[in-house]
Amino acid sequence: MTGGGHTTMSQEDKERIAQEKYGKTYEELDTNEKKAVGGSYGGPKGGETIKKMAEEHKQQE
């Protein structure tokens, strides 16, 4: 993959991260918390999250 394209988060991903970080639904978060949830996806920790999600997906098949 080339370039610096952004991947979009599914609503399910947003909900899961909001619950993990704040114990709230995504809609309950304030603006800064929503930004933090978005920043959790794809950053250094996000890479680990993506790996974990891939492993969970494999197990579900």
C-alpha atoms as a PDB file:
ATOM      1  CA  MET A   1       0.000   0.000   0.000  1.00  0.00           C
ATOM      2  CA  THR A   2       1.389   3.366  -0.928  1.00  0.00           C
ATOM      3  CA  GLY A   3       0.464   6.881   0.077  1.00  0.00           C
ATOM      4  CA  GLY A   4      -0.872   8.185   3.348  1.00  0.00           C
ATOM      5  CA  GLY A   5      -4.522   7.314   2.910  1.00  0.00           C
ATOM      6  CA  HIS A   6      -6.792   7.151   5.900  1.00  0.00           C
ATOM      7  CA  THR A   7      -8.811   4.125   6.811  1.00  0.00           C
ATOM      8  CA  THR A   8     -12.292   4.790   8.060  1.00  0.00           C
ATOM      9  CA  MET A   9     -13.547   3.218  11.233  1.00  0.00           C
ATOM     10  CA  SER A  10     -16.770   1.297  11.284  1.00  0.00           C
ATOM     11  CA  GLN A  11     -19.380   2.308  13.830  1.00  0.00           C
ATOM     12  CA  GLU A  12     -18.728  -1.022  15.521  1.00  0.00           C
ATOM     13  CA  ASP A  13     -15.039  -0.137  15.936  1.00  0.00           C
ATOM     14  CA  LYS A  14     -15.924   3.266  17.394  1.00  0.00           C
ATOM     15  CA  GLU A  15     -18.349   1.698  19.862  1.00  0.00           C
ATOM     16  CA  ARG A  16     -15.858  -0.942  20.962  1.00  0.00           C
ATOM     17  CA  ILE A  17     -13.040   1.548  21.521  1.00  0.00           C
ATOM     18  CA  ALA A  18     -15.371   3.995  23.309  1.00  0.00           C
ATOM     19  CA  GLN A  19     -16.416   1.202  25.670  1.00  0.00           C
ATOM     20  CA  GLU A  20     -12.812   0.101  26.252  1.00  0.00           C
ATOM     21  CA  LYS A  21     -11.477   3.611  26.905  1.00  0.00           C
ATOM     22  CA  TYR A  22     -14.402   5.372  28.572  1.00  0.00           C
ATOM     23  CA  GLY A  23     -17.073   2.836  29.435  1.00  0.00           C
ATOM     24  CA  LYS A  24     -19.585   4.810  27.339  1.00  0.00           C
ATOM     25  CA  THR A  25     -21.222   4.472  23.948  1.00  0.00           C
ATOM     26  CA  TYR A  26     -19.640   6.515  21.161  1.00  0.00           C
ATOM     27  CA  GLU A  27     -22.629   8.878  21.096  1.00  0.00           C
ATOM     28  CA  GLU A  28     -22.186   9.639  24.809  1.00  0.00           C
ATOM     29  CA  LEU A  29     -18.630  10.879  24.301  1.00  0.00           C
ATOM     30  CA  ASP A  30     -17.766  14.564  24.115  1.00  0.00           C
ATOM     31  CA  THR A  31     -15.909  15.961  21.110  1.00  0.00           C
ATOM     32  CA  ASN A  32     -12.423  15.462  22.551  1.00  0.00           C
ATOM     33  CA  GLU A  33     -13.196  11.902  23.607  1.00  0.00           C
ATOM     34  CA  LYS A  34     -14.485  11.132  20.097  1.00  0.00           C
ATOM     35  CA  LYS A  35     -11.241  12.491  18.659  1.00  0.00           C
ATOM     36  CA  ALA A  36      -9.291  10.280  21.059  1.00  0.00           C
ATOM     37  CA  VAL A  37     -11.302   7.251  19.935  1.00  0.00           C
ATOM     38  CA  GLY A  38     -10.492   8.086  16.311  1.00  0.00           C
ATOM     39  CA  GLY A  39      -6.830   8.543  17.200  1.00  0.00           C
ATOM     40  CA  SER A  40      -6.784   5.092  18.790  1.00  0.00           C
ATOM     41  CA  TYR A  41      -7.309   3.556  15.380  1.00  0.00           C
ATOM     42  CA  GLY A  42      -4.190   3.256  13.264  1.00  0.00           C
ATOM     43  CA  GLY A  43      -1.646   4.773  15.645  1.00  0.00           C
ATOM     44  CA  PRO A  44       1.059   2.697  17.325  1.00  0.00           C
ATOM     45  CA  LYS A  45      -1.520   1.062  19.576  1.00  0.00           C
ATOM     46  CA  GLY A  46      -3.957   0.952  16.674  1.00  0.00           C
ATOM     47  CA  GLY A  47      -1.629  -1.378  14.833  1.00  0.00           C
ATOM     48  CA  GLU A  48      -1.936  -3.811  17.700  1.00  0.00           C
ATOM     49  CA  THR A  49      -5.698  -3.354  17.688  1.00  0.00           C
ATOM     50  CA  ILE A  50      -5.846  -4.162  13.992  1.00  0.00           C
ATOM     51  CA  LYS A  51      -3.745  -7.308  14.528  1.00  0.00           C
ATOM     52  CA  LYS A  52      -6.020  -8.380  17.381  1.00  0.00           C
ATOM     53  CA  MET A  53      -9.122  -7.761  15.278  1.00  0.00           C
ATOM     54  CA  ALA A  54      -7.645  -9.807  12.424  1.00  0.00           C
ATOM     55  CA  GLU A  55      -6.922 -12.701  14.779  1.00  0.00           C
ATOM     56  CA  GLU A  56     -10.454 -12.558  16.206  1.00  0.00           C
ATOM     57  CA  HIS A  57     -11.896 -12.524  12.697  1.00  0.00           C
ATOM     58  CA  LYS A  58      -9.885 -15.623  11.759  1.00  0.00           C
ATOM     59  CA  GLN A  59     -11.183 -17.429  14.826  1.00  0.00           C
ATOM     60  CA  GLN A  60     -14.786 -16.639  13.882  1.00  0.00           C
ATOM     61  CA  GLU A  61     -14.450 -18.238  10.445  1.00  0.00           C
END
